[in-house]
Amino acid sequence: MEEGFIISNRIRKVVFIEIASGEGNLKRIAKKHHLMEQAVKNAVEELMQHKLIEEEKDGYKLTEYGVKIFGKLKGTNVI
């Protein structure tokens, strides 16, 4: 269950929500949430391995699967 994978880790959750909200720049995500850039990069790699986000030329975005999972999470008020 991908929802549990996302919400079980604070950094993964923050990164997923930020990317879902349209922020694709990892440095800005790290700075906004006072996180180490490497921790954000690690979370991105994990989310990519689970096919929830993908890289594009100007940052990151949710995959179709990621959009589905985001919709489920929003519906449960977890996000």
PDB file of N, CA and C in Angstrom:
ATOM      1  N   MET A   1       0.854  -1.182   0.000  1.00  0.00           N
ATOM      2  CA  MET A   1       0.000   0.000   0.000  1.00  0.00           C
ATOM      3  C   MET A   1       0.894   1.238   0.000  1.00  0.00           C
ATOM      4  N   GLU A   2       0.871   1.962  -1.098  1.00  0.00           N
ATOM      5  CA  GLU A   2       1.749   3.126  -1.279  1.00  0.00           C
ATOM      6  C   GLU A   2       1.421   4.256  -0.302  1.00  0.00           C
ATOM      7  N   GLU A   3       0.166   4.357   0.102  1.00  0.00           N
ATOM      8  CA  GLU A   3      -0.197   5.420   1.033  1.00  0.00           C
ATOM      9  C   GLU A   3       0.615   5.302   2.321  1.00  0.00           C
ATOM     10  N   GLY A   4       0.716   4.088   2.828  1.00  0.00           N
ATOM     11  CA  GLY A   4       1.492   3.845   4.042  1.00  0.00           C
ATOM     12  C   GLY A   4       2.965   4.128   3.844  1.00  0.00           C
ATOM     13  N   PHE A   5       3.472   3.799   2.682  1.00  0.00           N
ATOM     14  CA  PHE A   5       4.878   4.067   2.367  1.00  0.00           C
ATOM     15  C   PHE A   5       5.156   5.566   2.437  1.00  0.00           C
ATOM     16  N   ILE A   6       4.244   6.368   1.933  1.00  0.00           N
ATOM     17  CA  ILE A   6       4.440   7.822   1.917  1.00  0.00           C
ATOM     18  C   ILE A   6       4.317   8.408   3.314  1.00  0.00           C
ATOM     19  N   ILE A   7       3.248   8.079   4.017  1.00  0.00           N
ATOM     20  CA  ILE A   7       2.990   8.749   5.296  1.00  0.00           C
ATOM     21  C   ILE A   7       3.831   8.200   6.448  1.00  0.00           C
ATOM     22  N   SER A   8       4.499   7.071   6.229  1.00  0.00           N
ATOM     23  CA  SER A   8       5.308   6.493   7.304  1.00  0.00           C
ATOM     24  C   SER A   8       6.637   7.234   7.510  1.00  0.00           C
ATOM     25  N   ASN A   9       6.970   8.133   6.596  1.00  0.00           N
ATOM     26  CA  ASN A   9       8.223   8.872   6.702  1.00  0.00           C
ATOM     27  C   ASN A   9       7.942  10.353   6.467  1.00  0.00           C
ATOM     28  N   ARG A  10       8.271  11.185   7.435  1.00  0.00           N
ATOM     29  CA  ARG A  10       7.949  12.615   7.379  1.00  0.00           C
ATOM     30  C   ARG A  10       8.543  13.292   6.147  1.00  0.00           C
ATOM     31  N   ILE A  11       9.775  12.979   5.817  1.00  0.00           N
ATOM     32  CA  ILE A  11      10.428  13.640   4.685  1.00  0.00           C
ATOM     33  C   ILE A  11       9.793  13.198   3.374  1.00  0.00           C
ATOM     34  N   ARG A  12       9.515  11.897   3.237  1.00  0.00           N
ATOM     35  CA  ARG A  12       8.842  11.426   2.023  1.00  0.00           C
ATOM     36  C   ARG A  12       7.490  12.108   1.865  1.00  0.00           C
ATOM     37  N   LYS A  13       6.776  12.236   2.970  1.00  0.00           N
ATOM     38  CA  LYS A  13       5.449  12.867   2.935  1.00  0.00           C
ATOM     39  C   LYS A  13       5.555  14.323   2.496  1.00  0.00           C
ATOM     40  N   VAL A  14       6.489  15.059   3.078  1.00  0.00           N
ATOM     41  CA  VAL A  14       6.690  16.469   2.725  1.00  0.00           C
ATOM     42  C   VAL A  14       7.041  16.604   1.245  1.00  0.00           C
ATOM     43  N   VAL A  15       7.972  15.803   0.786  1.00  0.00           N
ATOM     44  CA  VAL A  15       8.413  15.876  -0.614  1.00  0.00           C
ATOM     45  C   VAL A  15       7.258  15.530  -1.549  1.00  0.00           C
ATOM     46  N   PHE A  16       6.527  14.491  -1.238  1.00  0.00           N
ATOM     47  CA  PHE A  16       5.400  14.078  -2.072  1.00  0.00           C
ATOM     48  C   PHE A  16       4.347  15.185  -2.155  1.00  0.00           C
ATOM     49  N   ILE A  17       4.008  15.777  -1.029  1.00  0.00           N
ATOM     50  CA  ILE A  17       3.003  16.846  -1.009  1.00  0.00           C
ATOM     51  C   ILE A  17       3.492  18.065  -1.782  1.00  0.00           C
ATOM     52  N   GLU A  18       4.748  18.444  -1.587  1.00  0.00           N
ATOM     53  CA  GLU A  18       5.296  19.599  -2.300  1.00  0.00           C
ATOM     54  C   GLU A  18       5.280  19.375  -3.814  1.00  0.00           C
ATOM     55  N   ILE A  19       5.686  18.198  -4.245  1.00  0.00           N
ATOM     56  CA  ILE A  19       5.690  17.902  -5.679  1.00  0.00           C
ATOM     57  C   ILE A  19       4.258  17.865  -6.202  1.00  0.00           C
ATOM     58  N   ALA A  20       3.349  17.294  -5.428  1.00  0.00           N
ATOM     59  CA  ALA A  20       1.936  17.271  -5.826  1.00  0.00           C
ATOM     60  C   ALA A  20       1.375  18.689  -5.944  1.00  0.00           C
ATOM     61  N   SER A  21       1.914  19.608  -5.151  1.00  0.00           N
ATOM     62  CA  SER A  21       1.456  20.995  -5.171  1.00  0.00           C
ATOM     63  C   SER A  21       2.116  21.819  -6.272  1.00  0.00           C
ATOM     64  N   GLY A  22       3.018  21.192  -7.020  1.00  0.00           N
ATOM     65  CA  GLY A  22       3.641  21.867  -8.147  1.00  0.00           C
ATOM     66  C   GLY A  22       5.064  22.332  -7.939  1.00  0.00           C
ATOM     67  N   GLU A  23       5.610  22.114  -6.748  1.00  0.00           N
ATOM     68  CA  GLU A  23       7.003  22.503  -6.493  1.00  0.00           C
ATOM     69  C   GLU A  23       7.917  21.359  -6.911  1.00  0.00           C
ATOM     70  N   GLY A  24       8.694  21.575  -7.945  1.00  0.00           N
ATOM     71  CA  GLY A  24       9.568  20.527  -8.449  1.00  0.00           C
ATOM     72  C   GLY A  24      11.034  20.741  -8.145  1.00  0.00           C
ATOM     73  N   ASN A  25      11.366  21.840  -7.447  1.00  0.00           N
ATOM     74  CA  ASN A  25      12.753  22.170  -7.159  1.00  0.00           C
ATOM     75  C   ASN A  25      13.138  21.647  -5.778  1.00  0.00           C
ATOM     76  N   LEU A  26      14.083  20.721  -5.735  1.00  0.00           N
ATOM     77  CA  LEU A  26      14.449  20.074  -4.478  1.00  0.00           C
ATOM     78  C   LEU A  26      15.106  21.026  -3.484  1.00  0.00           C
ATOM     79  N   LYS A  27      15.908  21.957  -3.982  1.00  0.00           N
ATOM     80  CA  LYS A  27      16.567  22.907  -3.078  1.00  0.00           C
ATOM     81  C   LYS A  27      15.532  23.774  -2.367  1.00  0.00           C
ATOM     82  N   ARG A  28      14.501  24.202  -3.084  1.00  0.00           N
ATOM     83  CA  ARG A  28      13.455  25.025  -2.465  1.00  0.00           C
ATOM     84  C   ARG A  28      12.652  24.218  -1.446  1.00  0.00           C
ATOM     85  N   ILE A  29      12.397  22.949  -1.760  1.00  0.00           N
ATOM     86  CA  ILE A  29      11.674  22.095  -0.808  1.00  0.00           C
ATOM     87  C   ILE A  29      12.494  21.948   0.468  1.00  0.00           C
ATOM     88  N   ALA A  30      13.779  21.662   0.316  1.00  0.00           N
ATOM     89  CA  ALA A  30      14.657  21.493   1.483  1.00  0.00           C
ATOM     90  C   ALA A  30      14.702  22.765   2.315  1.00  0.00           C
ATOM     91  N   LYS A  31      14.857  23.892   1.665  1.00  0.00           N
ATOM     92  CA  LYS A  31      14.962  25.163   2.384  1.00  0.00           C
ATOM     93  C   LYS A  31      13.654  25.502   3.095  1.00  0.00           C
ATOM     94  N   LYS A  32      12.552  25.342   2.412  1.00  0.00           N
ATOM     95  CA  LYS A  32      11.234  25.673   2.983  1.00  0.00           C
ATOM     96  C   LYS A  32      10.942  24.873   4.247  1.00  0.00           C
ATOM     97  N   HIS A  33      11.356  23.615   4.269  1.00  0.00           N
ATOM     98  CA  HIS A  33      11.040  22.726   5.388  1.00  0.00           C
ATOM     99  C   HIS A  33      12.231  22.481   6.308  1.00  0.00           C
ATOM    100  N   HIS A  34      13.312  23.232   6.096  1.00  0.00           N
ATOM    101  CA  HIS A  34      14.513  23.132   6.941  1.00  0.00           C
ATOM    102  C   HIS A  34      15.039  21.694   6.983  1.00  0.00           C
ATOM    103  N   LEU A  35      15.177  21.114   5.785  1.00  0.00           N
ATOM    104  CA  LEU A  35      15.676  19.751   5.654  1.00  0.00           C
ATOM    105  C   LEU A  35      17.017  19.756   4.936  1.00  0.00           C
ATOM    106  N   MET A  36      17.790  18.729   5.169  1.00  0.00           N
ATOM    107  CA  MET A  36      19.047  18.580   4.448  1.00  0.00           C
ATOM    108  C   MET A  36      18.725  18.171   3.016  1.00  0.00           C
ATOM    109  N   GLU A  37      19.442  18.749   2.064  1.00  0.00           N
ATOM    110  CA  GLU A  37      19.200  18.440   0.651  1.00  0.00           C
ATOM    111  C   GLU A  37      19.358  16.952   0.362  1.00  0.00           C
ATOM    112  N   GLN A  38      20.324  16.319   0.980  1.00  0.00           N
ATOM    113  CA  GLN A  38      20.540  14.891   0.730  1.00  0.00           C
ATOM    114  C   GLN A  38      19.342  14.073   1.198  1.00  0.00           C
ATOM    115  N   ALA A  39      18.729  14.452   2.298  1.00  0.00           N
ATOM    116  CA  ALA A  39      17.542  13.737   2.785  1.00  0.00           C
ATOM    117  C   ALA A  39      16.395  13.875   1.788  1.00  0.00           C
ATOM    118  N   VAL A  40      16.250  15.057   1.209  1.00  0.00           N
ATOM    119  CA  VAL A  40      15.216  15.291   0.201  1.00  0.00           C
ATOM    120  C   VAL A  40      15.523  14.458  -1.048  1.00  0.00           C
ATOM    121  N   LYS A  41      16.781  14.431  -1.459  1.00  0.00           N
ATOM    122  CA  LYS A  41      17.166  13.634  -2.631  1.00  0.00           C
ATOM    123  C   LYS A  41      16.904  12.147  -2.392  1.00  0.00           C
ATOM    124  N   ASN A  42      17.191  11.673  -1.189  1.00  0.00           N
ATOM    125  CA  ASN A  42      16.934  10.267  -0.862  1.00  0.00           C
ATOM    126  C   ASN A  42      15.439   9.956  -0.945  1.00  0.00           C
ATOM    127  N   ALA A  43      14.625  10.865  -0.421  1.00  0.00           N
ATOM    128  CA  ALA A  43      13.173  10.673  -0.474  1.00  0.00           C
ATOM    129  C   ALA A  43      12.696  10.648  -1.922  1.00  0.00           C
ATOM    130  N   VAL A  44      13.247  11.524  -2.749  1.00  0.00           N
ATOM    131  CA  VAL A  44      12.881  11.561  -4.173  1.00  0.00           C
ATOM    132  C   VAL A  44      13.240  10.234  -4.839  1.00  0.00           C
ATOM    133  N   GLU A  45      14.415   9.708  -4.559  1.00  0.00           N
ATOM    134  CA  GLU A  45      14.819   8.427  -5.143  1.00  0.00           C
ATOM    135  C   GLU A  45      13.853   7.313  -4.745  1.00  0.00           C
ATOM    136  N   GLU A  46      13.459   7.304  -3.474  1.00  0.00           N
ATOM    137  CA  GLU A  46      12.519   6.289  -3.002  1.00  0.00           C
ATOM    138  C   GLU A  46      11.161   6.437  -3.680  1.00  0.00           C
ATOM    139  N   LEU A  47      10.682   7.670  -3.807  1.00  0.00           N
ATOM    140  CA  LEU A  47       9.397   7.911  -4.460  1.00  0.00           C
ATOM    141  C   LEU A  47       9.452   7.548  -5.942  1.00  0.00           C
ATOM    142  N   MET A  48      10.601   7.769  -6.564  1.00  0.00           N
ATOM    143  CA  MET A  48      10.768   7.396  -7.972  1.00  0.00           C
ATOM    144  C   MET A  48      10.796   5.870  -8.123  1.00  0.00           C
ATOM    145  N   GLN A  49      11.442   5.185  -7.199  1.00  0.00           N
ATOM    146  CA  GLN A  49      11.495   3.725  -7.257  1.00  0.00           C
ATOM    147  C   GLN A  49      10.097   3.120  -7.162  1.00  0.00           C
ATOM    148  N   HIS A  50       9.214   3.794  -6.437  1.00  0.00           N
ATOM    149  CA  HIS A  50       7.833   3.324  -6.284  1.00  0.00           C
ATOM    150  C   HIS A  50       6.925   3.870  -7.379  1.00  0.00           C
ATOM    151  N   LYS A  51       7.530   4.542  -8.355  1.00  0.00           N
ATOM    152  CA  LYS A  51       6.809   5.077  -9.528  1.00  0.00           C
ATOM    153  C   LYS A  51       5.729   6.093  -9.150  1.00  0.00           C
ATOM    154  N   LEU A  52       5.994   6.870  -8.083  1.00  0.00           N
ATOM    155  CA  LEU A  52       5.050   7.888  -7.640  1.00  0.00           C
ATOM    156  C   LEU A  52       5.370   9.261  -8.222  1.00  0.00           C
ATOM    157  N   ILE A  53       6.652   9.508  -8.506  1.00  0.00           N
ATOM    158  CA  ILE A  53       7.068  10.764  -9.127  1.00  0.00           C
ATOM    159  C   ILE A  53       8.023  10.449 -10.264  1.00  0.00           C
ATOM    160  N   GLU A  54       8.199  11.441 -11.131  1.00  0.00           N
ATOM    161  CA  GLU A  54       9.145  11.295 -12.235  1.00  0.00           C
ATOM    162  C   GLU A  54       9.861  12.616 -12.449  1.00  0.00           C
ATOM    163  N   GLU A  55      11.045  12.510 -13.026  1.00  0.00           N
ATOM    164  CA  GLU A  55      11.844  13.703 -13.299  1.00  0.00           C
ATOM    165  C   GLU A  55      11.503  14.229 -14.677  1.00  0.00           C
ATOM    166  N   GLU A  56      11.394  15.551 -14.759  1.00  0.00           N
ATOM    167  CA  GLU A  56      11.271  16.191 -16.068  1.00  0.00           C
ATOM    168  C   GLU A  56      12.340  17.260 -16.151  1.00  0.00           C
ATOM    169  N   LYS A  57      12.458  17.947 -17.264  1.00  0.00           N
ATOM    170  CA  LYS A  57      13.607  18.844 -17.451  1.00  0.00           C
ATOM    171  C   LYS A  57      13.660  19.992 -16.456  1.00  0.00           C
ATOM    172  N   ASP A  58      12.522  20.445 -15.920  1.00  0.00           N
ATOM    173  CA  ASP A  58      12.565  21.564 -14.984  1.00  0.00           C
ATOM    174  C   ASP A  58      12.211  21.158 -13.556  1.00  0.00           C
ATOM    175  N   GLY A  59      12.327  19.894 -13.231  1.00  0.00           N
ATOM    176  CA  GLY A  59      12.074  19.445 -11.857  1.00  0.00           C
ATOM    177  C   GLY A  59      11.408  18.082 -11.813  1.00  0.00           C
ATOM    178  N   TYR A  60      10.492  17.930 -10.887  1.00  0.00           N
ATOM    179  CA  TYR A  60       9.809  16.657 -10.679  1.00  0.00           C
ATOM    180  C   TYR A  60       8.311  16.875 -10.704  1.00  0.00           C
ATOM    181  N   LYS A  61       7.589  15.805 -11.013  1.00  0.00           N
ATOM    182  CA  LYS A  61       6.128  15.851 -11.002  1.00  0.00           C
ATOM    183  C   LYS A  61       5.597  14.473 -10.638  1.00  0.00           C
ATOM    184  N   LEU A  62       4.329  14.422 -10.255  1.00  0.00           N
ATOM    185  CA  LEU A  62       3.701  13.149  -9.959  1.00  0.00           C
ATOM    186  C   LEU A  62       3.468  12.371 -11.245  1.00  0.00           C
ATOM    187  N   THR A  63       3.594  11.071 -11.159  1.00  0.00           N
ATOM    188  CA  THR A  63       3.198  10.210 -12.269  1.00  0.00           C
ATOM    189  C   THR A  63       1.679  10.070 -12.216  1.00  0.00           C
ATOM    190  N   GLU A  64       1.095   9.429 -13.205  1.00  0.00           N
ATOM    191  CA  GLU A  64      -0.358   9.174 -13.160  1.00  0.00           C
ATOM    192  C   GLU A  64      -0.707   8.376 -11.907  1.00  0.00           C
ATOM    193  N   TYR A  65       0.139   7.405 -11.592  1.00  0.00           N
ATOM    194  CA  TYR A  65      -0.068   6.595 -10.390  1.00  0.00           C
ATOM    195  C   TYR A  65       0.039   7.471  -9.131  1.00  0.00           C
ATOM    196  N   GLY A  66       1.021   8.370  -9.118  1.00  0.00           N
ATOM    197  CA  GLY A  66       1.180   9.282  -7.995  1.00  0.00           C
ATOM    198  C   GLY A  66      -0.035  10.176  -7.805  1.00  0.00           C
ATOM    199  N   VAL A  67      -0.631  10.621  -8.906  1.00  0.00           N
ATOM    200  CA  VAL A  67      -1.835  11.456  -8.834  1.00  0.00           C
ATOM    201  C   VAL A  67      -2.977  10.669  -8.191  1.00  0.00           C
ATOM    202  N   LYS A  68      -3.105   9.391  -8.558  1.00  0.00           N
ATOM    203  CA  LYS A  68      -4.137   8.527  -7.962  1.00  0.00           C
ATOM    204  C   LYS A  68      -3.937   8.400  -6.453  1.00  0.00           C
ATOM    205  N   ILE A  69      -2.703   8.137  -6.071  1.00  0.00           N
ATOM    206  CA  ILE A  69      -2.390   7.967  -4.648  1.00  0.00           C
ATOM    207  C   ILE A  69      -2.621   9.279  -3.893  1.00  0.00           C
ATOM    208  N   PHE A  70      -2.250  10.393  -4.491  1.00  0.00           N
ATOM    209  CA  PHE A  70      -2.476  11.696  -3.859  1.00  0.00           C
ATOM    210  C   PHE A  70      -3.969  11.910  -3.638  1.00  0.00           C
ATOM    211  N   GLY A  71      -4.778  11.558  -4.609  1.00  0.00           N
ATOM    212  CA  GLY A  71      -6.235  11.681  -4.470  1.00  0.00           C
ATOM    213  C   GLY A  71      -6.766  10.844  -3.321  1.00  0.00           C
ATOM    214  N   LYS A  72      -6.245   9.624  -3.180  1.00  0.00           N
ATOM    215  CA  LYS A  72      -6.662   8.767  -2.072  1.00  0.00           C
ATOM    216  C   LYS A  72      -6.275   9.376  -0.733  1.00  0.00           C
ATOM    217  N   LEU A  73      -5.050   9.906  -0.653  1.00  0.00           N
ATOM    218  CA  LEU A  73      -4.580  10.500   0.595  1.00  0.00           C
ATOM    219  C   LEU A  73      -5.389  11.738   0.960  1.00  0.00           C
ATOM    220  N   LYS A  74      -5.699  12.557  -0.034  1.00  0.00           N
ATOM    221  CA  LYS A  74      -6.515  13.747   0.239  1.00  0.00           C
ATOM    222  C   LYS A  74      -7.886  13.356   0.749  1.00  0.00           C
ATOM    223  N   GLY A  75      -8.433  12.288   0.213  1.00  0.00           N
ATOM    224  CA  GLY A  75      -9.751  11.823   0.629  1.00  0.00           C
ATOM    225  C   GLY A  75      -9.798  11.301   2.050  1.00  0.00           C
ATOM    226  N   THR A  76      -8.659  10.909   2.593  1.00  0.00           N
ATOM    227  CA  THR A  76      -8.620  10.378   3.960  1.00  0.00           C
ATOM    228  C   THR A  76      -8.185  11.431   4.971  1.00  0.00           C
ATOM    229  N   ASN A  77      -7.969  12.647   4.498  1.00  0.00           N
ATOM    230  CA  ASN A  77      -7.523  13.756   5.370  1.00  0.00           C
ATOM    231  C   ASN A  77      -6.168  13.496   6.019  1.00  0.00           C
ATOM    232  N   VAL A  78      -5.373  12.619   5.455  1.00  0.00           N
ATOM    233  CA  VAL A  78      -4.022  12.363   5.961  1.00  0.00           C
ATOM    234  C   VAL A  78      -3.120  13.512   5.547  1.00  0.00           C
ATOM    235  N   ILE A  79      -3.453  14.116   4.426  1.00  0.00           N
ATOM    236  CA  ILE A  79      -2.666  15.228   3.922  1.00  0.00           C
ATOM    237  C   ILE A  79      -3.429  16.510   4.176  1.00  0.00           C
TER     238      ILE A  79
END
